[in-house]
Amino acid sequence: MYTDDDLESALQAGVLTDDNVAAFRAHVAQRHHAVAVDEESFRLVSSFNDIFVVIACAMLLLSIKWIGTTLGQPGLGAAAIATAAWLLAEFFVRRRHMALPAIVLLLAFVASVFSALTAVIGTEHGQTTAAIAAGGTAVAAYLHWRRFQVPITVAAGTAAVALMLTLGLITSVVGGERWVPALLFVLGLAVFALAMRWDAADTQRRHRHSDVAFWLHLLAAPMVVHPVFSWIGVATGQTHLLQAVIVVALYLGIALISLAIDRRALMVSSLFYVLYTFSALLKGYGAVSLSFAVTALTIGSALLLLSAFWHASRERVLRVLPASLQRRLPASR
């Protein structure tokens, strides 16, 4: 069984050309009656060996943390975990190209770097310490990307930068907490623009660019959606009919954007708010016991229907967009 990483490796080694890889993927897509660029697919597990390696890595890293904690040196333990995660990535990521271990080892690395920096700087400075540690983590993520180029690394580094800026606002501006939702929204739009830039560089979704864009969209979605829904008072516990109408209108707008860019992350991130709003609305009308079930049944059915007709719906949305914009978006079947 050949994976995308195997094809990329053969491409880099000169065994296959870009045309060979494109023709092979087109042939496989045709056999499955689907166009590869319109499926938003990404590889996570190629075999049970990926899970086996992740379990073994987790046991090793947790034991290192345990030993460091027992010795009373949490910073040293975190630094040891980061070092071990990097060394493990040298074999399982750089040489074996294993997707799931790559993600787990990257997350372990950046989390350990953040923890180690926090321990070195000292927790007495509170949020200032966290902001500095987040900046250092972003630098570490950049170095990890330069070495291993794991797609999720760009999103992890971007999240660290966003955390640094958010904590910097809170610590440097009096009453900065009030501006956090606005900053989060602006940062979310910036991350979304970055994701679209990666997407535009690989509209056929053949290479690593689209995988990087996938994780960036997954990061941008809650950063954009959460402030918007909190501004209209979804989380206040007092839901009324007008609020529900606004939520539906926003979700329809999000669905149209998701169809246009062929990314479902925005819809998934905002789904919780839709479920919460309509469950609370039904409770207000007396349907306490079945409020969530009725809401989930209705929305779930609608999403399944959209999934079944995703390609046809995309074609209709793309038709109304300018040709210059269509060229920057993934093709439809």
C-alpha atoms as a PDB file:
ATOM      1  CA  MET A   1       0.000   0.000   0.000  1.00  0.00           C
ATOM      2  CA  TYR A   2       1.478   3.350  -1.073  1.00  0.00           C
ATOM      3  CA  THR A   3       0.949   6.485   0.972  1.00  0.00           C
ATOM      4  CA  ASP A   4       1.224  10.160   0.075  1.00  0.00           C
ATOM      5  CA  ASP A   5       4.506  10.343   1.973  1.00  0.00           C
ATOM      6  CA  ASP A   6       5.873   7.445  -0.106  1.00  0.00           C
ATOM      7  CA  LEU A   7       4.973   9.347  -3.270  1.00  0.00           C
ATOM      8  CA  GLU A   8       6.521  12.550  -1.931  1.00  0.00           C
ATOM      9  CA  SER A   9       9.699  10.655  -1.019  1.00  0.00           C
ATOM     10  CA  ALA A  10       9.892   9.106  -4.499  1.00  0.00           C
ATOM     11  CA  LEU A  11       9.316  12.555  -5.991  1.00  0.00           C
ATOM     12  CA  GLN A  12      12.136  14.125  -3.977  1.00  0.00           C
ATOM     13  CA  ALA A  13      14.465  11.230  -4.830  1.00  0.00           C
ATOM     14  CA  GLY A  14      13.814  11.687  -8.538  1.00  0.00           C
ATOM     15  CA  VAL A  15      12.247   8.245  -8.953  1.00  0.00           C
ATOM     16  CA  LEU A  16       8.968   9.823 -10.091  1.00  0.00           C
ATOM     17  CA  THR A  17       8.189  13.131 -11.746  1.00  0.00           C
ATOM     18  CA  ASP A  18       5.425  15.588 -10.869  1.00  0.00           C
ATOM     19  CA  ASP A  19       3.455  14.389 -13.883  1.00  0.00           C
ATOM     20  CA  ASN A  20       3.808  10.744 -12.807  1.00  0.00           C
ATOM     21  CA  VAL A  21       2.539  11.481  -9.304  1.00  0.00           C
ATOM     22  CA  ALA A  22      -0.319  13.639 -10.608  1.00  0.00           C
ATOM     23  CA  ALA A  23      -1.362  10.949 -13.097  1.00  0.00           C
ATOM     24  CA  PHE A  24      -1.255   8.251 -10.416  1.00  0.00           C
ATOM     25  CA  ARG A  25      -3.370  10.285  -8.000  1.00  0.00           C
ATOM     26  CA  ALA A  26      -5.842  11.167 -10.730  1.00  0.00           C
ATOM     27  CA  HIS A  27      -6.150   7.479 -11.615  1.00  0.00           C
ATOM     28  CA  VAL A  28      -6.795   6.492  -7.988  1.00  0.00           C
ATOM     29  CA  ALA A  29      -9.313   9.326  -7.596  1.00  0.00           C
ATOM     30  CA  GLN A  30     -11.135   8.235 -10.734  1.00  0.00           C
ATOM     31  CA  ARG A  31     -11.344   4.667  -9.449  1.00  0.00           C
ATOM     32  CA  HIS A  32     -12.995   5.947  -6.280  1.00  0.00           C
ATOM     33  CA  HIS A  33     -15.339   8.197  -8.297  1.00  0.00           C
ATOM     34  CA  ALA A  34     -14.043  11.313  -6.567  1.00  0.00           C
ATOM     35  CA  VAL A  35     -11.637  14.102  -7.299  1.00  0.00           C
ATOM     36  CA  ALA A  36      -8.797  14.145  -4.805  1.00  0.00           C
ATOM     37  CA  VAL A  37      -8.636  17.933  -4.530  1.00  0.00           C
ATOM     38  CA  ASP A  38     -12.288  18.131  -3.472  1.00  0.00           C
ATOM     39  CA  GLU A  39     -12.178  15.694  -0.556  1.00  0.00           C
ATOM     40  CA  GLU A  40     -10.040  17.587   2.010  1.00  0.00           C
ATOM     41  CA  SER A  41      -8.239  14.371   2.897  1.00  0.00           C
ATOM     42  CA  PHE A  42      -5.200  14.049   5.123  1.00  0.00           C
ATOM     43  CA  ARG A  43      -3.303  10.986   6.258  1.00  0.00           C
ATOM     44  CA  LEU A  44      -3.213  10.236   9.965  1.00  0.00           C
ATOM     45  CA  VAL A  45      -2.694   6.473  10.316  1.00  0.00           C
ATOM     46  CA  SER A  46      -1.340   4.203   7.593  1.00  0.00           C
ATOM     47  CA  SER A  47      -1.135   1.050   9.716  1.00  0.00           C
ATOM     48  CA  PHE A  48      -1.407  -0.146  13.301  1.00  0.00           C
ATOM     49  CA  ASN A  49       2.348   0.328  13.548  1.00  0.00           C
ATOM     50  CA  ASP A  50       1.692   4.081  13.790  1.00  0.00           C
ATOM     51  CA  ILE A  51      -0.443   3.511  16.887  1.00  0.00           C
ATOM     52  CA  PHE A  52       2.121   1.056  18.269  1.00  0.00           C
ATOM     53  CA  VAL A  53       4.912   3.620  17.887  1.00  0.00           C
ATOM     54  CA  VAL A  54       2.795   6.370  19.471  1.00  0.00           C
ATOM     55  CA  ILE A  55       2.064   4.178  22.509  1.00  0.00           C
ATOM     56  CA  ALA A  56       5.758   3.356  22.907  1.00  0.00           C
ATOM     57  CA  CYS A  57       6.770   7.014  22.522  1.00  0.00           C
ATOM     58  CA  ALA A  58       4.140   8.097  25.056  1.00  0.00           C
ATOM     59  CA  MET A  59       5.399   5.551  27.593  1.00  0.00           C
ATOM     60  CA  LEU A  60       8.986   6.706  27.112  1.00  0.00           C
ATOM     61  CA  LEU A  61       8.195  10.418  27.353  1.00  0.00           C
ATOM     62  CA  LEU A  62       5.907   9.990  30.365  1.00  0.00           C
ATOM     63  CA  SER A  63       8.578   7.983  32.169  1.00  0.00           C
ATOM     64  CA  ILE A  64      11.088  10.773  31.512  1.00  0.00           C
ATOM     65  CA  LYS A  65       8.634  13.305  32.949  1.00  0.00           C
ATOM     66  CA  TRP A  66       8.038  11.082  35.976  1.00  0.00           C
ATOM     67  CA  ILE A  67      11.762  10.778  36.660  1.00  0.00           C
ATOM     68  CA  GLY A  68      12.252  14.533  36.292  1.00  0.00           C
ATOM     69  CA  THR A  69       9.371  15.264  38.682  1.00  0.00           C
ATOM     70  CA  THR A  70      10.686  12.725  41.203  1.00  0.00           C
ATOM     71  CA  LEU A  71      14.098  14.398  41.163  1.00  0.00           C
ATOM     72  CA  GLY A  72      12.394  17.699  41.896  1.00  0.00           C
ATOM     73  CA  GLN A  73      13.511  19.304  38.650  1.00  0.00           C
ATOM     74  CA  PRO A  74      10.406  19.876  36.483  1.00  0.00           C
ATOM     75  CA  GLY A  75      12.309  22.195  34.139  1.00  0.00           C
ATOM     76  CA  LEU A  76      15.009  19.593  33.597  1.00  0.00           C
ATOM     77  CA  GLY A  77      12.373  16.923  33.011  1.00  0.00           C
ATOM     78  CA  ALA A  78      10.590  19.081  30.430  1.00  0.00           C
ATOM     79  CA  ALA A  79      13.878  19.812  28.657  1.00  0.00           C
ATOM     80  CA  ALA A  80      14.645  16.085  28.614  1.00  0.00           C
ATOM     81  CA  ILE A  81      11.230  15.348  27.071  1.00  0.00           C
ATOM     82  CA  ALA A  82      11.809  17.984  24.374  1.00  0.00           C
ATOM     83  CA  THR A  83      15.226  16.495  23.602  1.00  0.00           C
ATOM     84  CA  ALA A  84      13.847  12.959  23.496  1.00  0.00           C
ATOM     85  CA  ALA A  85      10.946  14.023  21.258  1.00  0.00           C
ATOM     86  CA  TRP A  86      13.391  15.647  18.831  1.00  0.00           C
ATOM     87  CA  LEU A  87      15.647  12.563  18.746  1.00  0.00           C
ATOM     88  CA  LEU A  88      12.686  10.233  18.218  1.00  0.00           C
ATOM     89  CA  ALA A  89      11.497  12.467  15.385  1.00  0.00           C
ATOM     90  CA  GLU A  90      14.878  12.070  13.691  1.00  0.00           C
ATOM     91  CA  PHE A  91      14.052   8.411  13.074  1.00  0.00           C
ATOM     92  CA  PHE A  92      10.267   8.092  12.999  1.00  0.00           C
ATOM     93  CA  VAL A  93       9.560  11.372  11.189  1.00  0.00           C
ATOM     94  CA  ARG A  94      12.610  12.268   9.141  1.00  0.00           C
ATOM     95  CA  ARG A  95      13.448   8.701   8.065  1.00  0.00           C
ATOM     96  CA  ARG A  96      10.228   6.697   8.413  1.00  0.00           C
ATOM     97  CA  HIS A  97       7.758   9.509   7.503  1.00  0.00           C
ATOM     98  CA  MET A  98       5.139   8.296  10.017  1.00  0.00           C
ATOM     99  CA  ALA A  99       2.238  10.748  10.234  1.00  0.00           C
ATOM    100  CA  LEU A 100       0.651  10.071  13.636  1.00  0.00           C
ATOM    101  CA  PRO A 101       3.965   9.809  15.543  1.00  0.00           C
ATOM    102  CA  ALA A 102       5.040  13.036  13.820  1.00  0.00           C
ATOM    103  CA  ILE A 103       2.021  14.883  15.230  1.00  0.00           C
ATOM    104  CA  VAL A 104       2.374  13.419  18.727  1.00  0.00           C
ATOM    105  CA  LEU A 105       6.118  14.069  18.913  1.00  0.00           C
ATOM    106  CA  LEU A 106       5.669  17.637  17.675  1.00  0.00           C
ATOM    107  CA  LEU A 107       3.016  18.368  20.299  1.00  0.00           C
ATOM    108  CA  ALA A 108       5.192  16.793  22.999  1.00  0.00           C
ATOM    109  CA  PHE A 109       8.152  18.878  21.837  1.00  0.00           C
ATOM    110  CA  VAL A 110       6.431  22.284  21.837  1.00  0.00           C
ATOM    111  CA  ALA A 111       4.579  21.602  25.106  1.00  0.00           C
ATOM    112  CA  SER A 112       7.829  20.562  26.790  1.00  0.00           C
ATOM    113  CA  VAL A 113       9.695  23.596  25.471  1.00  0.00           C
ATOM    114  CA  PHE A 114       6.959  25.851  26.861  1.00  0.00           C
ATOM    115  CA  SER A 115       7.073  24.050  30.227  1.00  0.00           C
ATOM    116  CA  ALA A 116      10.876  24.171  30.384  1.00  0.00           C
ATOM    117  CA  LEU A 117      11.010  27.890  29.577  1.00  0.00           C
ATOM    118  CA  THR A 118       8.325  28.612  32.170  1.00  0.00           C
ATOM    119  CA  ALA A 119      10.341  26.733  34.807  1.00  0.00           C
ATOM    120  CA  VAL A 120      13.580  28.535  33.886  1.00  0.00           C
ATOM    121  CA  ILE A 121      12.046  32.027  33.883  1.00  0.00           C
ATOM    122  CA  GLY A 122      10.005  31.395  37.023  1.00  0.00           C
ATOM    123  CA  THR A 123       6.283  31.486  37.624  1.00  0.00           C
ATOM    124  CA  GLU A 124       6.362  34.512  39.935  1.00  0.00           C
ATOM    125  CA  HIS A 125       5.944  36.825  36.938  1.00  0.00           C
ATOM    126  CA  GLY A 126       2.665  35.161  35.984  1.00  0.00           C
ATOM    127  CA  GLN A 127       1.372  36.002  32.532  1.00  0.00           C
ATOM    128  CA  THR A 128       4.599  37.763  31.544  1.00  0.00           C
ATOM    129  CA  THR A 129       6.416  34.473  32.006  1.00  0.00           C
ATOM    130  CA  ALA A 130       3.846  32.684  29.875  1.00  0.00           C
ATOM    131  CA  ALA A 131       4.159  35.321  27.127  1.00  0.00           C
ATOM    132  CA  ILE A 132       7.955  34.989  27.005  1.00  0.00           C
ATOM    133  CA  ALA A 133       7.705  31.195  27.070  1.00  0.00           C
ATOM    134  CA  ALA A 134       5.185  31.311  24.214  1.00  0.00           C
ATOM    135  CA  GLY A 135       7.608  33.403  22.153  1.00  0.00           C
ATOM    136  CA  GLY A 136      10.404  30.917  22.807  1.00  0.00           C
ATOM    137  CA  THR A 137       8.075  28.072  21.885  1.00  0.00           C
ATOM    138  CA  ALA A 138       7.307  29.757  18.564  1.00  0.00           C
ATOM    139  CA  VAL A 139      11.041  29.903  17.803  1.00  0.00           C
ATOM    140  CA  ALA A 140      11.421  26.230  18.754  1.00  0.00           C
ATOM    141  CA  ALA A 141       8.494  25.318  16.498  1.00  0.00           C
ATOM    142  CA  TYR A 142      10.158  27.181  13.629  1.00  0.00           C
ATOM    143  CA  LEU A 143      13.391  25.209  14.126  1.00  0.00           C
ATOM    144  CA  HIS A 144      11.375  21.979  14.251  1.00  0.00           C
ATOM    145  CA  TRP A 145       9.656  22.924  10.985  1.00  0.00           C
ATOM    146  CA  ARG A 146      12.973  23.643   9.295  1.00  0.00           C
ATOM    147  CA  ARG A 147      14.228  20.204  10.290  1.00  0.00           C
ATOM    148  CA  PHE A 148      11.198  17.924   9.924  1.00  0.00           C
ATOM    149  CA  GLN A 149       8.505  19.925   8.071  1.00  0.00           C
ATOM    150  CA  VAL A 150       5.594  18.296   9.889  1.00  0.00           C
ATOM    151  CA  PRO A 151       2.458  20.080   8.586  1.00  0.00           C
ATOM    152  CA  ILE A 152       0.965  20.749  12.028  1.00  0.00           C
ATOM    153  CA  THR A 153       4.142  22.565  13.121  1.00  0.00           C
ATOM    154  CA  VAL A 154       3.183  25.809  11.363  1.00  0.00           C
ATOM    155  CA  ALA A 155      -0.145  25.862  13.216  1.00  0.00           C
ATOM    156  CA  ALA A 156       1.591  25.101  16.527  1.00  0.00           C
ATOM    157  CA  GLY A 157       4.069  27.936  16.034  1.00  0.00           C
ATOM    158  CA  THR A 158       1.302  30.304  14.966  1.00  0.00           C
ATOM    159  CA  ALA A 159      -0.715  29.388  18.060  1.00  0.00           C
ATOM    160  CA  ALA A 160       2.325  30.171  20.220  1.00  0.00           C
ATOM    161  CA  VAL A 161       2.682  33.598  18.586  1.00  0.00           C
ATOM    162  CA  ALA A 162      -1.042  34.272  19.097  1.00  0.00           C
ATOM    163  CA  LEU A 163      -0.733  33.303  22.772  1.00  0.00           C
ATOM    164  CA  MET A 164       2.290  35.561  23.173  1.00  0.00           C
ATOM    165  CA  LEU A 165       0.451  38.540  21.659  1.00  0.00           C
ATOM    166  CA  THR A 166      -2.691  37.910  23.712  1.00  0.00           C
ATOM    167  CA  LEU A 167      -0.803  37.638  26.998  1.00  0.00           C
ATOM    168  CA  GLY A 168       1.285  40.646  26.012  1.00  0.00           C
ATOM    169  CA  LEU A 169      -1.913  42.682  25.612  1.00  0.00           C
ATOM    170  CA  ILE A 170      -3.207  41.571  29.005  1.00  0.00           C
ATOM    171  CA  THR A 171       0.047  42.374  30.823  1.00  0.00           C
ATOM    172  CA  SER A 172       0.970  45.630  29.076  1.00  0.00           C
ATOM    173  CA  VAL A 173      -2.410  47.389  28.776  1.00  0.00           C
ATOM    174  CA  VAL A 174      -4.599  48.340  31.729  1.00  0.00           C
ATOM    175  CA  GLY A 175      -7.930  46.577  31.303  1.00  0.00           C
ATOM    176  CA  GLY A 176      -6.488  44.575  28.438  1.00  0.00           C
ATOM    177  CA  GLU A 177      -8.757  41.632  29.247  1.00  0.00           C
ATOM    178  CA  ARG A 178     -11.676  43.512  27.684  1.00  0.00           C
ATOM    179  CA  TRP A 179      -9.870  43.605  24.342  1.00  0.00           C
ATOM    180  CA  VAL A 180      -8.951  39.926  24.252  1.00  0.00           C
ATOM    181  CA  PRO A 181     -12.003  38.850  22.171  1.00  0.00           C
ATOM    182  CA  ALA A 182     -11.311  41.579  19.599  1.00  0.00           C
ATOM    183  CA  LEU A 183      -7.621  40.654  19.424  1.00  0.00           C
ATOM    184  CA  LEU A 184      -8.504  36.980  19.181  1.00  0.00           C
ATOM    185  CA  PHE A 185     -10.857  37.742  16.290  1.00  0.00           C
ATOM    186  CA  VAL A 186      -8.222  39.788  14.431  1.00  0.00           C
ATOM    187  CA  LEU A 187      -5.588  37.108  15.002  1.00  0.00           C
ATOM    188  CA  GLY A 188      -8.052  34.486  13.798  1.00  0.00           C
ATOM    189  CA  LEU A 189      -8.583  36.408  10.569  1.00  0.00           C
ATOM    190  CA  ALA A 190      -4.802  36.684  10.164  1.00  0.00           C
ATOM    191  CA  VAL A 191      -4.387  32.930  10.657  1.00  0.00           C
ATOM    192  CA  PHE A 192      -7.234  32.327   8.200  1.00  0.00           C
ATOM    193  CA  ALA A 193      -5.477  34.543   5.632  1.00  0.00           C
ATOM    194  CA  LEU A 194      -2.253  32.609   6.209  1.00  0.00           C
ATOM    195  CA  ALA A 195      -4.115  29.338   5.710  1.00  0.00           C
ATOM    196  CA  MET A 196      -5.603  30.627   2.465  1.00  0.00           C
ATOM    197  CA  ARG A 197      -2.118  31.592   1.289  1.00  0.00           C
ATOM    198  CA  TRP A 198      -0.914  28.027   1.849  1.00  0.00           C
ATOM    199  CA  ASP A 199      -4.052  26.726   0.136  1.00  0.00           C
ATOM    200  CA  ALA A 200      -3.553  29.015  -2.860  1.00  0.00           C
ATOM    201  CA  ALA A 201      -0.039  27.620  -3.311  1.00  0.00           C
ATOM    202  CA  ASP A 202      -1.466  24.114  -3.790  1.00  0.00           C
ATOM    203  CA  THR A 203      -4.953  24.335  -5.284  1.00  0.00           C
ATOM    204  CA  GLN A 204      -4.678  20.752  -6.565  1.00  0.00           C
ATOM    205  CA  ARG A 205      -3.867  19.557  -3.021  1.00  0.00           C
ATOM    206  CA  ARG A 206      -1.031  17.327  -4.085  1.00  0.00           C
ATOM    207  CA  HIS A 207       1.716  18.457  -1.745  1.00  0.00           C
ATOM    208  CA  ARG A 208       2.442  19.427   1.838  1.00  0.00           C
ATOM    209  CA  HIS A 209       1.045  22.948   1.435  1.00  0.00           C
ATOM    210  CA  SER A 210      -2.564  21.777   1.689  1.00  0.00           C
ATOM    211  CA  ASP A 211      -1.787  19.762   4.832  1.00  0.00           C
ATOM    212  CA  VAL A 212      -0.290  22.856   6.446  1.00  0.00           C
ATOM    213  CA  ALA A 213      -3.377  24.820   5.408  1.00  0.00           C
ATOM    214  CA  PHE A 214      -5.653  22.172   6.955  1.00  0.00           C
ATOM    215  CA  TRP A 215      -4.129  22.613  10.418  1.00  0.00           C
ATOM    216  CA  LEU A 216      -4.087  26.400  10.084  1.00  0.00           C
ATOM    217  CA  HIS A 217      -7.796  26.385   9.204  1.00  0.00           C
ATOM    218  CA  LEU A 218      -8.401  24.176  12.235  1.00  0.00           C
ATOM    219  CA  LEU A 219      -6.607  26.759  14.399  1.00  0.00           C
ATOM    220  CA  ALA A 220      -8.226  29.811  12.808  1.00  0.00           C
ATOM    221  CA  ALA A 221     -11.790  28.525  13.032  1.00  0.00           C
ATOM    222  CA  PRO A 222     -12.314  28.739  16.832  1.00  0.00           C
ATOM    223  CA  MET A 223     -10.329  31.989  17.008  1.00  0.00           C
ATOM    224  CA  VAL A 224     -12.757  33.621  14.567  1.00  0.00           C
ATOM    225  CA  VAL A 225     -15.965  31.892  15.609  1.00  0.00           C
ATOM    226  CA  HIS A 226     -15.730  32.148  19.415  1.00  0.00           C
ATOM    227  CA  PRO A 227     -15.556  35.969  19.658  1.00  0.00           C
ATOM    228  CA  VAL A 228     -18.370  36.414  17.125  1.00  0.00           C
ATOM    229  CA  PHE A 229     -20.776  34.124  18.953  1.00  0.00           C
ATOM    230  CA  SER A 230     -19.786  35.482  22.356  1.00  0.00           C
ATOM    231  CA  TRP A 231     -20.511  39.041  21.148  1.00  0.00           C
ATOM    232  CA  ILE A 232     -24.092  38.105  20.301  1.00  0.00           C
ATOM    233  CA  GLY A 233     -24.485  36.574  23.768  1.00  0.00           C
ATOM    234  CA  VAL A 234     -24.690  32.865  22.969  1.00  0.00           C
ATOM    235  CA  ALA A 235     -22.900  31.858  26.175  1.00  0.00           C
ATOM    236  CA  THR A 236     -24.900  34.120  28.508  1.00  0.00           C
ATOM    237  CA  GLY A 237     -27.538  31.479  29.182  1.00  0.00           C
ATOM    238  CA  GLN A 238     -30.389  33.742  28.042  1.00  0.00           C
ATOM    239  CA  THR A 239     -31.376  32.666  24.537  1.00  0.00           C
ATOM    240  CA  HIS A 240     -34.198  34.303  22.603  1.00  0.00           C
ATOM    241  CA  LEU A 241     -35.666  33.855  19.138  1.00  0.00           C
ATOM    242  CA  LEU A 242     -33.835  36.783  17.519  1.00  0.00           C
ATOM    243  CA  GLN A 243     -30.542  35.450  18.809  1.00  0.00           C
ATOM    244  CA  ALA A 244     -31.311  32.044  17.290  1.00  0.00           C
ATOM    245  CA  VAL A 245     -32.093  33.675  13.932  1.00  0.00           C
ATOM    246  CA  ILE A 246     -28.765  35.526  14.016  1.00  0.00           C
ATOM    247  CA  VAL A 247     -26.941  32.285  14.851  1.00  0.00           C
ATOM    248  CA  VAL A 248     -28.585  30.511  11.901  1.00  0.00           C
ATOM    249  CA  ALA A 249     -27.702  33.385   9.561  1.00  0.00           C
ATOM    250  CA  LEU A 250     -24.093  33.339  10.747  1.00  0.00           C
ATOM    251  CA  TYR A 251     -23.873  29.578  10.399  1.00  0.00           C
ATOM    252  CA  LEU A 252     -25.246  29.745   6.857  1.00  0.00           C
ATOM    253  CA  GLY A 253     -22.617  32.354   6.037  1.00  0.00           C
ATOM    254  CA  ILE A 254     -19.941  30.133   7.541  1.00  0.00           C
ATOM    255  CA  ALA A 255     -21.263  27.200   5.497  1.00  0.00           C
ATOM    256  CA  LEU A 256     -20.991  29.233   2.279  1.00  0.00           C
ATOM    257  CA  ILE A 257     -17.399  30.200   3.089  1.00  0.00           C
ATOM    258  CA  SER A 258     -16.607  26.574   3.946  1.00  0.00           C
ATOM    259  CA  LEU A 259     -18.036  25.431   0.622  1.00  0.00           C
ATOM    260  CA  ALA A 260     -16.098  28.055  -1.309  1.00  0.00           C
ATOM    261  CA  ILE A 261     -12.728  27.201   0.233  1.00  0.00           C
ATOM    262  CA  ASP A 262     -13.573  23.485   0.588  1.00  0.00           C
ATOM    263  CA  ARG A 263     -12.721  23.422   4.288  1.00  0.00           C
ATOM    264  CA  ARG A 264     -15.103  22.061   6.892  1.00  0.00           C
ATOM    265  CA  ALA A 265     -13.219  23.260   9.987  1.00  0.00           C
ATOM    266  CA  LEU A 266     -15.207  26.500  10.281  1.00  0.00           C
ATOM    267  CA  MET A 267     -18.501  24.601  10.324  1.00  0.00           C
ATOM    268  CA  VAL A 268     -17.240  22.128  12.913  1.00  0.00           C
ATOM    269  CA  SER A 269     -15.937  24.874  15.217  1.00  0.00           C
ATOM    270  CA  SER A 270     -19.211  26.794  15.173  1.00  0.00           C
ATOM    271  CA  LEU A 271     -21.375  23.691  15.501  1.00  0.00           C
ATOM    272  CA  PHE A 272     -21.216  23.745  19.313  1.00  0.00           C
ATOM    273  CA  TYR A 273     -22.706  27.246  19.441  1.00  0.00           C
ATOM    274  CA  VAL A 274     -25.574  26.281  17.146  1.00  0.00           C
ATOM    275  CA  LEU A 275     -26.365  23.201  19.222  1.00  0.00           C
ATOM    276  CA  TYR A 276     -26.201  25.191  22.455  1.00  0.00           C
ATOM    277  CA  THR A 277     -28.377  28.036  21.150  1.00  0.00           C
ATOM    278  CA  PHE A 278     -31.212  25.873  19.869  1.00  0.00           C
ATOM    279  CA  SER A 279     -31.099  23.532  22.866  1.00  0.00           C
ATOM    280  CA  ALA A 280     -31.480  26.536  25.168  1.00  0.00           C
ATOM    281  CA  LEU A 281     -34.250  27.943  22.954  1.00  0.00           C
ATOM    282  CA  LEU A 282     -36.228  24.690  23.065  1.00  0.00           C
ATOM    283  CA  LYS A 283     -35.785  24.536  26.835  1.00  0.00           C
ATOM    284  CA  GLY A 284     -37.268  28.008  27.030  1.00  0.00           C
ATOM    285  CA  TYR A 285     -40.367  26.687  25.272  1.00  0.00           C
ATOM    286  CA  GLY A 286     -40.682  23.781  27.695  1.00  0.00           C
ATOM    287  CA  ALA A 287     -38.959  20.956  25.773  1.00  0.00           C
ATOM    288  CA  VAL A 288     -36.400  20.350  28.513  1.00  0.00           C
ATOM    289  CA  SER A 289     -35.821  16.607  28.235  1.00  0.00           C
ATOM    290  CA  LEU A 290     -35.633  16.406  24.431  1.00  0.00           C
ATOM    291  CA  SER A 291     -34.106  19.796  23.616  1.00  0.00           C
ATOM    292  CA  PHE A 292     -30.604  18.578  22.815  1.00  0.00           C
ATOM    293  CA  ALA A 293     -31.799  15.396  21.103  1.00  0.00           C
ATOM    294  CA  VAL A 294     -34.175  17.288  18.796  1.00  0.00           C
ATOM    295  CA  THR A 295     -31.518  19.892  18.009  1.00  0.00           C
ATOM    296  CA  ALA A 296     -28.827  17.292  17.309  1.00  0.00           C
ATOM    297  CA  LEU A 297     -31.217  15.258  15.148  1.00  0.00           C
ATOM    298  CA  THR A 298     -32.176  18.266  13.026  1.00  0.00           C
ATOM    299  CA  ILE A 299     -28.688  19.699  12.590  1.00  0.00           C
ATOM    300  CA  GLY A 300     -27.085  16.281  12.158  1.00  0.00           C
ATOM    301  CA  SER A 301     -29.526  15.420   9.384  1.00  0.00           C
ATOM    302  CA  ALA A 302     -28.839  18.739   7.654  1.00  0.00           C
ATOM    303  CA  LEU A 303     -25.070  18.217   7.849  1.00  0.00           C
ATOM    304  CA  LEU A 304     -25.352  14.681   6.479  1.00  0.00           C
ATOM    305  CA  LEU A 305     -27.428  16.019   3.596  1.00  0.00           C
ATOM    306  CA  LEU A 306     -24.810  18.700   2.931  1.00  0.00           C
ATOM    307  CA  SER A 307     -22.054  16.089   3.053  1.00  0.00           C
ATOM    308  CA  ALA A 308     -23.856  13.943   0.493  1.00  0.00           C
ATOM    309  CA  PHE A 309     -24.261  16.898  -1.887  1.00  0.00           C
ATOM    310  CA  TRP A 310     -21.056  18.733  -0.993  1.00  0.00           C
ATOM    311  CA  HIS A 311     -19.590  18.678  -4.510  1.00  0.00           C
ATOM    312  CA  ALA A 312     -22.780  19.857  -6.201  1.00  0.00           C
ATOM    313  CA  SER A 313     -23.199  22.598  -3.601  1.00  0.00           C
ATOM    314  CA  ARG A 314     -19.600  23.731  -4.119  1.00  0.00           C
ATOM    315  CA  GLU A 315     -20.124  24.005  -7.847  1.00  0.00           C
ATOM    316  CA  ARG A 316     -23.105  26.301  -7.326  1.00  0.00           C
ATOM    317  CA  VAL A 317     -21.164  28.499  -4.899  1.00  0.00           C
ATOM    318  CA  LEU A 318     -18.100  28.677  -7.152  1.00  0.00           C
ATOM    319  CA  ARG A 319     -20.190  29.744 -10.148  1.00  0.00           C
ATOM    320  CA  VAL A 320     -21.097  33.055  -8.506  1.00  0.00           C
ATOM    321  CA  LEU A 321     -17.497  33.888  -7.565  1.00  0.00           C
ATOM    322  CA  PRO A 322     -15.196  35.940  -9.822  1.00  0.00           C
ATOM    323  CA  ALA A 323     -12.865  33.940 -12.058  1.00  0.00           C
ATOM    324  CA  SER A 324      -9.820  35.539 -10.428  1.00  0.00           C
ATOM    325  CA  LEU A 325     -10.945  34.210  -7.048  1.00  0.00           C
ATOM    326  CA  GLN A 326     -11.853  30.782  -8.399  1.00  0.00           C
ATOM    327  CA  ARG A 327      -8.273  30.299  -9.622  1.00  0.00           C
ATOM    328  CA  ARG A 328      -7.055  30.629  -6.034  1.00  0.00           C
ATOM    329  CA  LEU A 329      -9.502  28.041  -4.687  1.00  0.00           C
ATOM    330  CA  PRO A 330      -9.418  24.233  -4.933  1.00  0.00           C
ATOM    331  CA  ALA A 331     -11.023  22.945  -8.114  1.00  0.00           C
ATOM    332  CA  SER A 332     -14.386  21.231  -8.053  1.00  0.00           C
ATOM    333  CA  ARG A 333     -15.313  18.081  -9.920  1.00  0.00           C
END
